[in-house]
Amino acid sequence: MWEQEIVTTVRGEFEIFRKGEGKPLCSTHLYSEFNELGNYFANEFTDYFSVILVNLREAGNSCKAEEEYQLSMAESVYDLEAIREALGFEKWAFAGHSTGGMLGLKYAILAPDSLTKAIVGGAAASSQYMKHPESIYCKKSPHNKRLLEILNILKTSTDIAERRQANKEWSDMSLYYPEKREEYFQKPSSGKTIGSRLDYYSYTELPEYDITQELPDVKLPVFVYCGVHDAQCPYVFSEEIAVKLANSRLYAYSYSNHFPYIEEKKKFSGIIHVFVKVEDGEDLNKNKAHF
């Protein structure tokens, strides 16, 4: 189990969960809420780092947003900075998946001196992924109509059984082998969708989201990974991130959809073995290769 803690910062109180030993690594997701069960993605790092899993504003027992804009990526970065300072870390690493990965890229742009390195996956650097025909978020996708219904259920329903079924369908759309879902998700985990945060991202931030021109200025080491068959943020968008970053490595997972850390768990552990050895400021371009 993860150890819960309330951190008092200059920007409010935030709920975090800790597990593991070693150098500090921050992990979170833009619109998810965590608890003592941790998270499938963050769990992958606890053998190598002291992981701090953060509930952002309006998630769990963290403070509320007094103004809607406080739910933005930029404000979330400033909140993470306040948490880092309150915990006494000069720097920490960052790990984020999906919109957590997008937040990690924004963090690297806004506060690069606070990060030693980052690993981001299943992400995109602009809203263009929403228009890609292979993305379930695209109106042209045969899954889009049902997906919108699922997202509405997750935002509004208080029926636990209905929410679980909706989550199951969403994850099935995002697995290369959906028939293996029971094998993949045997252990309990957390990651409840927070409607207010999802709404702000979807309707306010996402339409204008584009950090492609800022990525070349990011000099810290960034590992980028993605499932080749990712149905949420197609692989081409991770390729774009890796190409535009000044100091990156790209890792492709041939038998994964949106969850390589679950679908190809052993291979994903390999990338972490490499990631943990990367030093602050190391030039990844000297040995740039796919895993």
C-alpha atoms as a PDB file:
ATOM      1  CA  MET A   1       0.000   0.000   0.000  1.00  0.00           C
ATOM      2  CA  TRP A   2       1.026   3.594  -0.583  1.00  0.00           C
ATOM      3  CA  GLU A   3       1.484   5.975   2.338  1.00  0.00           C
ATOM      4  CA  GLN A   4      -0.898   8.937   2.313  1.00  0.00           C
ATOM      5  CA  GLU A   5       0.223  12.428   3.309  1.00  0.00           C
ATOM      6  CA  ILE A   6      -1.215  15.955   3.194  1.00  0.00           C
ATOM      7  CA  VAL A   7       1.351  18.530   2.095  1.00  0.00           C
ATOM      8  CA  THR A   8       0.842  22.164   3.047  1.00  0.00           C
ATOM      9  CA  THR A   9       2.191  24.528   0.387  1.00  0.00           C
ATOM     10  CA  VAL A  10       2.009  28.225  -0.434  1.00  0.00           C
ATOM     11  CA  ARG A  11      -0.672  27.335  -2.991  1.00  0.00           C
ATOM     12  CA  GLY A  12      -2.840  25.186  -0.725  1.00  0.00           C
ATOM     13  CA  GLU A  13      -2.936  21.663   0.694  1.00  0.00           C
ATOM     14  CA  PHE A  14      -2.365  18.674  -1.569  1.00  0.00           C
ATOM     15  CA  GLU A  15      -2.804  14.957  -1.003  1.00  0.00           C
ATOM     16  CA  ILE A  16       0.104  12.780  -2.052  1.00  0.00           C
ATOM     17  CA  PHE A  17       0.944   9.092  -1.773  1.00  0.00           C
ATOM     18  CA  ARG A  18       4.480   7.796  -1.329  1.00  0.00           C
ATOM     19  CA  LYS A  19       6.126   4.470  -2.040  1.00  0.00           C
ATOM     20  CA  GLY A  20       9.621   3.236  -2.805  1.00  0.00           C
ATOM     21  CA  GLU A  21      13.145   4.353  -2.017  1.00  0.00           C
ATOM     22  CA  GLY A  22      15.795   6.250  -3.923  1.00  0.00           C
ATOM     23  CA  LYS A  23      15.840   9.582  -5.685  1.00  0.00           C
ATOM     24  CA  PRO A  24      12.488  11.414  -5.851  1.00  0.00           C
ATOM     25  CA  LEU A  25      10.159  10.985  -8.802  1.00  0.00           C
ATOM     26  CA  CYS A  26       6.830  12.777  -9.204  1.00  0.00           C
ATOM     27  CA  SER A  27       3.952  11.145 -11.039  1.00  0.00           C
ATOM     28  CA  THR A  28       0.386  12.254 -11.684  1.00  0.00           C
ATOM     29  CA  HIS A  29      -2.368  12.412 -14.277  1.00  0.00           C
ATOM     30  CA  LEU A  30      -4.202  15.520 -15.417  1.00  0.00           C
ATOM     31  CA  TYR A  31      -7.706  14.387 -14.428  1.00  0.00           C
ATOM     32  CA  SER A  32      -7.385  11.295 -12.212  1.00  0.00           C
ATOM     33  CA  GLU A  33      -7.738  10.751  -8.475  1.00  0.00           C
ATOM     34  CA  PHE A  34      -5.509   8.297  -6.607  1.00  0.00           C
ATOM     35  CA  ASN A  35      -5.599   6.548  -3.241  1.00  0.00           C
ATOM     36  CA  GLU A  36      -3.581   4.078  -1.145  1.00  0.00           C
ATOM     37  CA  LEU A  37      -3.790   1.474  -3.921  1.00  0.00           C
ATOM     38  CA  GLY A  38      -1.478   3.564  -6.052  1.00  0.00           C
ATOM     39  CA  ASN A  39      -1.629   3.327  -9.822  1.00  0.00           C
ATOM     40  CA  TYR A  40      -0.536   0.729 -12.397  1.00  0.00           C
ATOM     41  CA  PHE A  41       1.803   3.201 -14.094  1.00  0.00           C
ATOM     42  CA  ALA A  42       3.341   4.733 -10.957  1.00  0.00           C
ATOM     43  CA  ASN A  43       3.800   1.271  -9.440  1.00  0.00           C
ATOM     44  CA  GLU A  44       6.355   0.484 -12.153  1.00  0.00           C
ATOM     45  CA  PHE A  45       8.796   3.013 -10.680  1.00  0.00           C
ATOM     46  CA  THR A  46       8.689   2.154  -6.966  1.00  0.00           C
ATOM     47  CA  ASP A  47      11.558  -0.372  -7.139  1.00  0.00           C
ATOM     48  CA  TYR A  48      13.889   2.356  -8.369  1.00  0.00           C
ATOM     49  CA  PHE A  49      12.646   5.692  -7.005  1.00  0.00           C
ATOM     50  CA  SER A  50      10.951   7.293  -4.047  1.00  0.00           C
ATOM     51  CA  VAL A  51       7.712   7.955  -5.923  1.00  0.00           C
ATOM     52  CA  ILE A  52       5.392  10.815  -5.029  1.00  0.00           C
ATOM     53  CA  LEU A  53       1.963  10.220  -6.591  1.00  0.00           C
ATOM     54  CA  VAL A  54       0.046  13.515  -6.572  1.00  0.00           C
ATOM     55  CA  ASN A  55      -3.641  14.301  -6.443  1.00  0.00           C
ATOM     56  CA  LEU A  56      -3.991  17.624  -8.241  1.00  0.00           C
ATOM     57  CA  ARG A  57      -6.604  20.227  -7.345  1.00  0.00           C
ATOM     58  CA  GLU A  58     -10.103  18.790  -6.857  1.00  0.00           C
ATOM     59  CA  ALA A  59      -8.757  15.233  -6.784  1.00  0.00           C
ATOM     60  CA  GLY A  60      -9.048  13.284  -3.537  1.00  0.00           C
ATOM     61  CA  ASN A  61      -8.309  15.410  -0.473  1.00  0.00           C
ATOM     62  CA  SER A  62      -6.381  18.098  -2.340  1.00  0.00           C
ATOM     63  CA  CYS A  63      -7.582  21.690  -2.286  1.00  0.00           C
ATOM     64  CA  LYS A  64     -10.308  22.932  -4.604  1.00  0.00           C
ATOM     65  CA  ALA A  65      -9.926  25.340  -7.486  1.00  0.00           C
ATOM     66  CA  GLU A  66     -11.126  28.806  -6.533  1.00  0.00           C
ATOM     67  CA  GLU A  67     -11.069  29.786 -10.204  1.00  0.00           C
ATOM     68  CA  GLU A  68     -11.535  27.482 -13.194  1.00  0.00           C
ATOM     69  CA  TYR A  69      -8.176  28.398 -14.746  1.00  0.00           C
ATOM     70  CA  GLN A  70      -6.438  26.763 -11.773  1.00  0.00           C
ATOM     71  CA  LEU A  71      -7.250  23.413 -13.414  1.00  0.00           C
ATOM     72  CA  SER A  72      -5.005  24.202 -16.386  1.00  0.00           C
ATOM     73  CA  MET A  73      -1.736  22.434 -17.176  1.00  0.00           C
ATOM     74  CA  ALA A  74       0.299  25.538 -16.381  1.00  0.00           C
ATOM     75  CA  GLU A  75      -1.350  26.044 -12.998  1.00  0.00           C
ATOM     76  CA  SER A  76      -0.937  22.338 -12.274  1.00  0.00           C
ATOM     77  CA  VAL A  77       2.793  22.699 -12.946  1.00  0.00           C
ATOM     78  CA  TYR A  78       2.961  25.595 -10.494  1.00  0.00           C
ATOM     79  CA  ASP A  79       1.120  23.449  -7.936  1.00  0.00           C
ATOM     80  CA  LEU A  80       3.618  20.627  -8.462  1.00  0.00           C
ATOM     81  CA  GLU A  81       6.421  23.140  -7.985  1.00  0.00           C
ATOM     82  CA  ALA A  82       4.892  24.237  -4.688  1.00  0.00           C
ATOM     83  CA  ILE A  83       4.680  20.594  -3.573  1.00  0.00           C
ATOM     84  CA  ARG A  84       8.301  19.961  -4.576  1.00  0.00           C
ATOM     85  CA  GLU A  85       9.468  22.976  -2.584  1.00  0.00           C
ATOM     86  CA  ALA A  86       7.359  22.020   0.443  1.00  0.00           C
ATOM     87  CA  LEU A  87       8.883  18.529   0.405  1.00  0.00           C
ATOM     88  CA  GLY A  88      12.375  20.026   0.290  1.00  0.00           C
ATOM     89  CA  PHE A  89      13.489  18.603  -3.055  1.00  0.00           C
ATOM     90  CA  GLU A  90      15.857  20.732  -5.124  1.00  0.00           C
ATOM     91  CA  LYS A  91      14.907  18.647  -8.173  1.00  0.00           C
ATOM     92  CA  TRP A  92      12.959  15.514  -8.978  1.00  0.00           C
ATOM     93  CA  ALA A  93      12.245  13.325 -11.984  1.00  0.00           C
ATOM     94  CA  PHE A  94       8.797  13.177 -13.567  1.00  0.00           C
ATOM     95  CA  ALA A  95       6.823  10.276 -15.018  1.00  0.00           C
ATOM     96  CA  GLY A  96       3.504  10.756 -16.768  1.00  0.00           C
ATOM     97  CA  HIS A  97       1.254   8.728 -19.036  1.00  0.00           C
ATOM     98  CA  SER A  98      -1.367  10.026 -21.497  1.00  0.00           C
ATOM     99  CA  THR A  99      -2.448  13.505 -20.283  1.00  0.00           C
ATOM    100  CA  GLY A 100      -0.005  12.944 -17.432  1.00  0.00           C
ATOM    101  CA  GLY A 101       2.659  12.804 -20.140  1.00  0.00           C
ATOM    102  CA  MET A 102       1.349  16.019 -21.683  1.00  0.00           C
ATOM    103  CA  LEU A 103       1.579  17.639 -18.261  1.00  0.00           C
ATOM    104  CA  GLY A 104       5.146  16.356 -17.968  1.00  0.00           C
ATOM    105  CA  LEU A 105       6.071  18.061 -21.235  1.00  0.00           C
ATOM    106  CA  LYS A 106       4.471  21.296 -20.013  1.00  0.00           C
ATOM    107  CA  TYR A 107       6.470  20.952 -16.782  1.00  0.00           C
ATOM    108  CA  ALA A 108       9.701  20.545 -18.767  1.00  0.00           C
ATOM    109  CA  ILE A 109       8.872  23.734 -20.690  1.00  0.00           C
ATOM    110  CA  LEU A 110       7.851  25.897 -17.712  1.00  0.00           C
ATOM    111  CA  ALA A 111      10.248  24.689 -15.008  1.00  0.00           C
ATOM    112  CA  PRO A 112      13.109  22.728 -16.597  1.00  0.00           C
ATOM    113  CA  ASP A 113      15.546  23.534 -13.789  1.00  0.00           C
ATOM    114  CA  SER A 114      13.329  21.629 -11.345  1.00  0.00           C
ATOM    115  CA  LEU A 115      13.503  18.352 -13.253  1.00  0.00           C
ATOM    116  CA  THR A 116      16.384  15.901 -13.555  1.00  0.00           C
ATOM    117  CA  LYS A 117      14.712  13.922 -16.357  1.00  0.00           C
ATOM    118  CA  ALA A 118      11.288  12.843 -17.527  1.00  0.00           C
ATOM    119  CA  ILE A 119       9.520   9.883 -19.048  1.00  0.00           C
ATOM    120  CA  VAL A 120       6.273  10.451 -20.950  1.00  0.00           C
ATOM    121  CA  GLY A 121       4.142   8.087 -22.974  1.00  0.00           C
ATOM    122  CA  GLY A 122       0.908   7.699 -24.897  1.00  0.00           C
ATOM    123  CA  ALA A 123       0.833  11.471 -25.251  1.00  0.00           C
ATOM    124  CA  ALA A 124       0.661  14.245 -27.854  1.00  0.00           C
ATOM    125  CA  ALA A 125       2.073  17.741 -28.191  1.00  0.00           C
ATOM    126  CA  SER A 126      -1.042  19.237 -29.759  1.00  0.00           C
ATOM    127  CA  SER A 127      -4.763  18.674 -30.133  1.00  0.00           C
ATOM    128  CA  GLN A 128      -4.226  17.165 -33.583  1.00  0.00           C
ATOM    129  CA  TYR A 129      -4.525  13.652 -32.159  1.00  0.00           C
ATOM    130  CA  MET A 130      -8.245  14.327 -31.791  1.00  0.00           C
ATOM    131  CA  LYS A 131      -8.501  14.546 -35.594  1.00  0.00           C
ATOM    132  CA  HIS A 132      -6.474  11.443 -36.387  1.00  0.00           C
ATOM    133  CA  PRO A 133      -8.759   8.747 -37.870  1.00  0.00           C
ATOM    134  CA  GLU A 134      -7.055   6.011 -35.818  1.00  0.00           C
ATOM    135  CA  SER A 135      -7.856   7.773 -32.538  1.00  0.00           C
ATOM    136  CA  ILE A 136     -11.055   6.812 -30.727  1.00  0.00           C
ATOM    137  CA  TYR A 137     -11.447  10.527 -29.931  1.00  0.00           C
ATOM    138  CA  CYS A 138     -11.844  11.339 -33.622  1.00  0.00           C
ATOM    139  CA  LYS A 139     -15.410  11.712 -34.887  1.00  0.00           C
ATOM    140  CA  LYS A 140     -14.502   9.432 -37.805  1.00  0.00           C
ATOM    141  CA  SER A 141     -13.714   6.541 -35.470  1.00  0.00           C
ATOM    142  CA  PRO A 142     -16.401   3.832 -35.229  1.00  0.00           C
ATOM    143  CA  HIS A 143     -15.821   3.842 -31.458  1.00  0.00           C
ATOM    144  CA  ASN A 144     -16.306   7.582 -30.972  1.00  0.00           C
ATOM    145  CA  LYS A 145     -20.051   7.681 -30.340  1.00  0.00           C
ATOM    146  CA  ARG A 146     -19.873   5.059 -27.589  1.00  0.00           C
ATOM    147  CA  LEU A 147     -16.729   6.633 -26.153  1.00  0.00           C
ATOM    148  CA  LEU A 148     -18.523   9.961 -25.657  1.00  0.00           C
ATOM    149  CA  GLU A 149     -21.282   8.120 -23.812  1.00  0.00           C
ATOM    150  CA  ILE A 150     -18.675   6.399 -21.628  1.00  0.00           C
ATOM    151  CA  LEU A 151     -16.955   9.680 -20.757  1.00  0.00           C
ATOM    152  CA  ASN A 152     -20.298  11.182 -19.778  1.00  0.00           C
ATOM    153  CA  ILE A 153     -21.001   8.235 -17.483  1.00  0.00           C
ATOM    154  CA  LEU A 154     -17.607   8.611 -15.817  1.00  0.00           C
ATOM    155  CA  LYS A 155     -18.195  12.333 -15.271  1.00  0.00           C
ATOM    156  CA  THR A 156     -21.770  12.188 -13.994  1.00  0.00           C
ATOM    157  CA  SER A 157     -22.772   8.744 -12.750  1.00  0.00           C
ATOM    158  CA  THR A 158     -22.693   7.841  -9.054  1.00  0.00           C
ATOM    159  CA  ASP A 159     -23.577   4.215  -9.796  1.00  0.00           C
ATOM    160  CA  ILE A 160     -20.431   2.205  -9.033  1.00  0.00           C
ATOM    161  CA  ALA A 161     -21.425  -0.728 -11.244  1.00  0.00           C
ATOM    162  CA  GLU A 162     -22.194   1.575 -14.172  1.00  0.00           C
ATOM    163  CA  ARG A 163     -18.852   3.376 -13.760  1.00  0.00           C
ATOM    164  CA  ARG A 164     -16.973   0.067 -13.626  1.00  0.00           C
ATOM    165  CA  GLN A 165     -18.635  -1.148 -16.815  1.00  0.00           C
ATOM    166  CA  ALA A 166     -17.844   2.149 -18.541  1.00  0.00           C
ATOM    167  CA  ASN A 167     -14.198   1.935 -17.463  1.00  0.00           C
ATOM    168  CA  LYS A 168     -14.059  -1.647 -18.729  1.00  0.00           C
ATOM    169  CA  GLU A 169     -15.327  -0.636 -22.166  1.00  0.00           C
ATOM    170  CA  TRP A 170     -12.917   2.304 -22.348  1.00  0.00           C
ATOM    171  CA  SER A 171      -9.949   0.124 -21.440  1.00  0.00           C
ATOM    172  CA  ASP A 172     -11.040  -2.583 -23.911  1.00  0.00           C
ATOM    173  CA  MET A 173     -10.882   0.023 -26.685  1.00  0.00           C
ATOM    174  CA  SER A 174      -7.354   0.812 -25.527  1.00  0.00           C
ATOM    175  CA  LEU A 175      -5.907  -2.708 -25.343  1.00  0.00           C
ATOM    176  CA  TYR A 176      -4.158  -4.593 -28.158  1.00  0.00           C
ATOM    177  CA  TYR A 177      -5.448  -7.876 -26.710  1.00  0.00           C
ATOM    178  CA  PRO A 178      -8.709  -6.930 -24.920  1.00  0.00           C
ATOM    179  CA  GLU A 179      -9.337 -10.613 -24.224  1.00  0.00           C
ATOM    180  CA  LYS A 180      -6.428 -10.447 -21.756  1.00  0.00           C
ATOM    181  CA  ARG A 181      -7.933  -7.661 -19.656  1.00  0.00           C
ATOM    182  CA  GLU A 182      -8.619  -9.924 -16.650  1.00  0.00           C
ATOM    183  CA  GLU A 183      -4.974 -10.999 -16.684  1.00  0.00           C
ATOM    184  CA  TYR A 184      -3.772  -7.401 -17.003  1.00  0.00           C
ATOM    185  CA  PHE A 185      -5.910  -5.921 -14.250  1.00  0.00           C
ATOM    186  CA  GLN A 186      -5.753  -8.593 -11.558  1.00  0.00           C
ATOM    187  CA  LYS A 187      -4.362  -6.298  -8.886  1.00  0.00           C
ATOM    188  CA  PRO A 188      -6.512  -3.441  -7.546  1.00  0.00           C
ATOM    189  CA  SER A 189      -5.458   0.070  -8.469  1.00  0.00           C
ATOM    190  CA  SER A 190      -6.798   3.623  -8.389  1.00  0.00           C
ATOM    191  CA  GLY A 191      -7.349   6.336 -10.963  1.00  0.00           C
ATOM    192  CA  LYS A 192     -10.909   7.661 -10.719  1.00  0.00           C
ATOM    193  CA  THR A 193     -11.823  10.263 -13.351  1.00  0.00           C
ATOM    194  CA  ILE A 194     -12.481  13.761 -11.958  1.00  0.00           C
ATOM    195  CA  GLY A 195     -15.233  15.348 -14.031  1.00  0.00           C
ATOM    196  CA  SER A 196     -14.333  18.999 -13.404  1.00  0.00           C
ATOM    197  CA  ARG A 197     -10.716  18.449 -14.440  1.00  0.00           C
ATOM    198  CA  LEU A 198     -11.674  16.398 -17.508  1.00  0.00           C
ATOM    199  CA  ASP A 199     -14.179  19.061 -18.570  1.00  0.00           C
ATOM    200  CA  TYR A 200     -11.656  21.882 -18.259  1.00  0.00           C
ATOM    201  CA  TYR A 201      -9.110  19.926 -20.265  1.00  0.00           C
ATOM    202  CA  SER A 202     -11.617  18.853 -22.933  1.00  0.00           C
ATOM    203  CA  TYR A 203     -13.520  22.077 -23.502  1.00  0.00           C
ATOM    204  CA  THR A 204     -11.174  24.885 -22.422  1.00  0.00           C
ATOM    205  CA  GLU A 205      -7.560  23.787 -22.765  1.00  0.00           C
ATOM    206  CA  LEU A 206      -7.512  21.105 -25.440  1.00  0.00           C
ATOM    207  CA  PRO A 207      -8.913  23.194 -28.342  1.00  0.00           C
ATOM    208  CA  GLU A 208      -5.885  25.524 -28.101  1.00  0.00           C
ATOM    209  CA  TYR A 209      -3.345  22.950 -26.888  1.00  0.00           C
ATOM    210  CA  ASP A 210      -0.155  23.058 -28.969  1.00  0.00           C
ATOM    211  CA  ILE A 211       3.347  22.966 -27.484  1.00  0.00           C
ATOM    212  CA  THR A 212       5.132  21.664 -30.575  1.00  0.00           C
ATOM    213  CA  GLN A 213       7.083  24.887 -31.096  1.00  0.00           C
ATOM    214  CA  GLU A 214       8.298  24.926 -27.486  1.00  0.00           C
ATOM    215  CA  LEU A 215       9.618  21.355 -27.355  1.00  0.00           C
ATOM    216  CA  PRO A 216      12.959  22.079 -29.095  1.00  0.00           C
ATOM    217  CA  ASP A 217      13.890  24.349 -26.179  1.00  0.00           C
ATOM    218  CA  VAL A 218      13.641  21.458 -23.703  1.00  0.00           C
ATOM    219  CA  LYS A 219      17.189  20.261 -23.022  1.00  0.00           C
ATOM    220  CA  LEU A 220      16.667  17.806 -20.161  1.00  0.00           C
ATOM    221  CA  PRO A 221      16.692  14.036 -20.934  1.00  0.00           C
ATOM    222  CA  VAL A 222      13.230  12.791 -21.897  1.00  0.00           C
ATOM    223  CA  PHE A 223      12.262   9.187 -22.584  1.00  0.00           C
ATOM    224  CA  VAL A 224       9.238   8.948 -24.891  1.00  0.00           C
ATOM    225  CA  TYR A 225       7.332   5.672 -25.277  1.00  0.00           C
ATOM    226  CA  CYS A 226       4.159   4.550 -26.992  1.00  0.00           C
ATOM    227  CA  GLY A 227       2.279   1.472 -28.129  1.00  0.00           C
ATOM    228  CA  VAL A 228       2.420   1.151 -31.915  1.00  0.00           C
ATOM    229  CA  HIS A 229      -1.336   0.502 -31.907  1.00  0.00           C
ATOM    230  CA  ASP A 230      -2.295   3.304 -29.492  1.00  0.00           C
ATOM    231  CA  ALA A 231      -5.958   4.120 -30.135  1.00  0.00           C
ATOM    232  CA  GLN A 232      -6.047   7.193 -27.908  1.00  0.00           C
ATOM    233  CA  CYS A 233      -2.922   9.114 -28.968  1.00  0.00           C
ATOM    234  CA  PRO A 234      -1.623   7.288 -32.060  1.00  0.00           C
ATOM    235  CA  TYR A 235       2.068   6.425 -32.212  1.00  0.00           C
ATOM    236  CA  VAL A 236       2.833   9.119 -34.784  1.00  0.00           C
ATOM    237  CA  PHE A 237       2.319  11.776 -32.092  1.00  0.00           C
ATOM    238  CA  SER A 238       4.948  10.236 -29.823  1.00  0.00           C
ATOM    239  CA  GLU A 239       7.266  10.170 -32.821  1.00  0.00           C
ATOM    240  CA  GLU A 240       6.617  13.887 -33.262  1.00  0.00           C
ATOM    241  CA  ILE A 241       7.394  14.585 -29.593  1.00  0.00           C
ATOM    242  CA  ALA A 242      10.665  12.656 -29.750  1.00  0.00           C
ATOM    243  CA  VAL A 243      11.771  14.363 -32.963  1.00  0.00           C
ATOM    244  CA  LYS A 244      11.038  17.860 -31.698  1.00  0.00           C
ATOM    245  CA  LEU A 245      12.672  17.379 -28.286  1.00  0.00           C
ATOM    246  CA  ALA A 246      16.356  18.299 -28.202  1.00  0.00           C
ATOM    247  CA  ASN A 247      17.364  15.385 -25.959  1.00  0.00           C
ATOM    248  CA  SER A 248      15.179  12.288 -26.201  1.00  0.00           C
ATOM    249  CA  ARG A 249      14.871   8.572 -26.833  1.00  0.00           C
ATOM    250  CA  LEU A 250      11.827   6.956 -28.389  1.00  0.00           C
ATOM    251  CA  TYR A 251      10.660   3.483 -27.377  1.00  0.00           C
ATOM    252  CA  ALA A 252       8.062   1.626 -29.452  1.00  0.00           C
ATOM    253  CA  TYR A 253       5.931  -1.268 -28.176  1.00  0.00           C
ATOM    254  CA  SER A 254       4.765  -3.430 -31.067  1.00  0.00           C
ATOM    255  CA  TYR A 255       2.159  -5.441 -29.150  1.00  0.00           C
ATOM    256  CA  SER A 256       0.598  -2.613 -27.187  1.00  0.00           C
ATOM    257  CA  ASN A 257      -2.246  -0.200 -27.563  1.00  0.00           C
ATOM    258  CA  HIS A 258      -2.431   2.612 -24.952  1.00  0.00           C
ATOM    259  CA  PHE A 259      -0.942   0.736 -21.974  1.00  0.00           C
ATOM    260  CA  PRO A 260       2.566  -0.630 -22.717  1.00  0.00           C
ATOM    261  CA  TYR A 261       3.401  -0.710 -19.007  1.00  0.00           C
ATOM    262  CA  ILE A 262       0.622  -3.297 -18.613  1.00  0.00           C
ATOM    263  CA  GLU A 263       0.522  -4.964 -22.029  1.00  0.00           C
ATOM    264  CA  GLU A 264       4.292  -5.435 -22.340  1.00  0.00           C
ATOM    265  CA  LYS A 265       5.197  -5.184 -18.692  1.00  0.00           C
ATOM    266  CA  LYS A 266       8.537  -6.999 -18.883  1.00  0.00           C
ATOM    267  CA  LYS A 267       9.744  -4.897 -21.786  1.00  0.00           C
ATOM    268  CA  PHE A 268       8.556  -1.714 -20.074  1.00  0.00           C
ATOM    269  CA  SER A 269      10.587  -2.660 -16.997  1.00  0.00           C
ATOM    270  CA  GLY A 270      13.598  -2.681 -19.308  1.00  0.00           C
ATOM    271  CA  ILE A 271      13.111   0.957 -20.234  1.00  0.00           C
ATOM    272  CA  ILE A 272      12.949   1.893 -16.553  1.00  0.00           C
ATOM    273  CA  HIS A 273      16.251   0.081 -15.928  1.00  0.00           C
ATOM    274  CA  VAL A 274      17.796   2.408 -18.507  1.00  0.00           C
ATOM    275  CA  PHE A 275      15.894   5.499 -17.352  1.00  0.00           C
ATOM    276  CA  VAL A 276      17.031   5.193 -13.734  1.00  0.00           C
ATOM    277  CA  LYS A 277      20.683   5.253 -14.825  1.00  0.00           C
ATOM    278  CA  VAL A 278      20.377   8.475 -16.817  1.00  0.00           C
ATOM    279  CA  GLU A 279      22.149  11.361 -15.115  1.00  0.00           C
ATOM    280  CA  ASP A 280      20.875  14.923 -14.765  1.00  0.00           C
ATOM    281  CA  GLY A 281      21.602  16.695 -18.055  1.00  0.00           C
ATOM    282  CA  GLU A 282      22.930  13.589 -19.827  1.00  0.00           C
ATOM    283  CA  ASP A 283      22.982  13.807 -23.625  1.00  0.00           C
ATOM    284  CA  LEU A 284      20.799  10.983 -24.908  1.00  0.00           C
ATOM    285  CA  ASN A 285      21.660  11.791 -28.518  1.00  0.00           C
ATOM    286  CA  LYS A 286      25.067  10.133 -28.119  1.00  0.00           C
ATOM    287  CA  ASN A 287      23.326   6.771 -28.111  1.00  0.00           C
ATOM    288  CA  LYS A 288      19.908   7.440 -29.567  1.00  0.00           C
ATOM    289  CA  ALA A 289      18.157   4.185 -30.376  1.00  0.00           C
ATOM    290  CA  HIS A 290      14.842   2.430 -30.092  1.00  0.00           C
ATOM    291  CA  PHE A 291      14.527  -0.087 -27.289  1.00  0.00           C
END
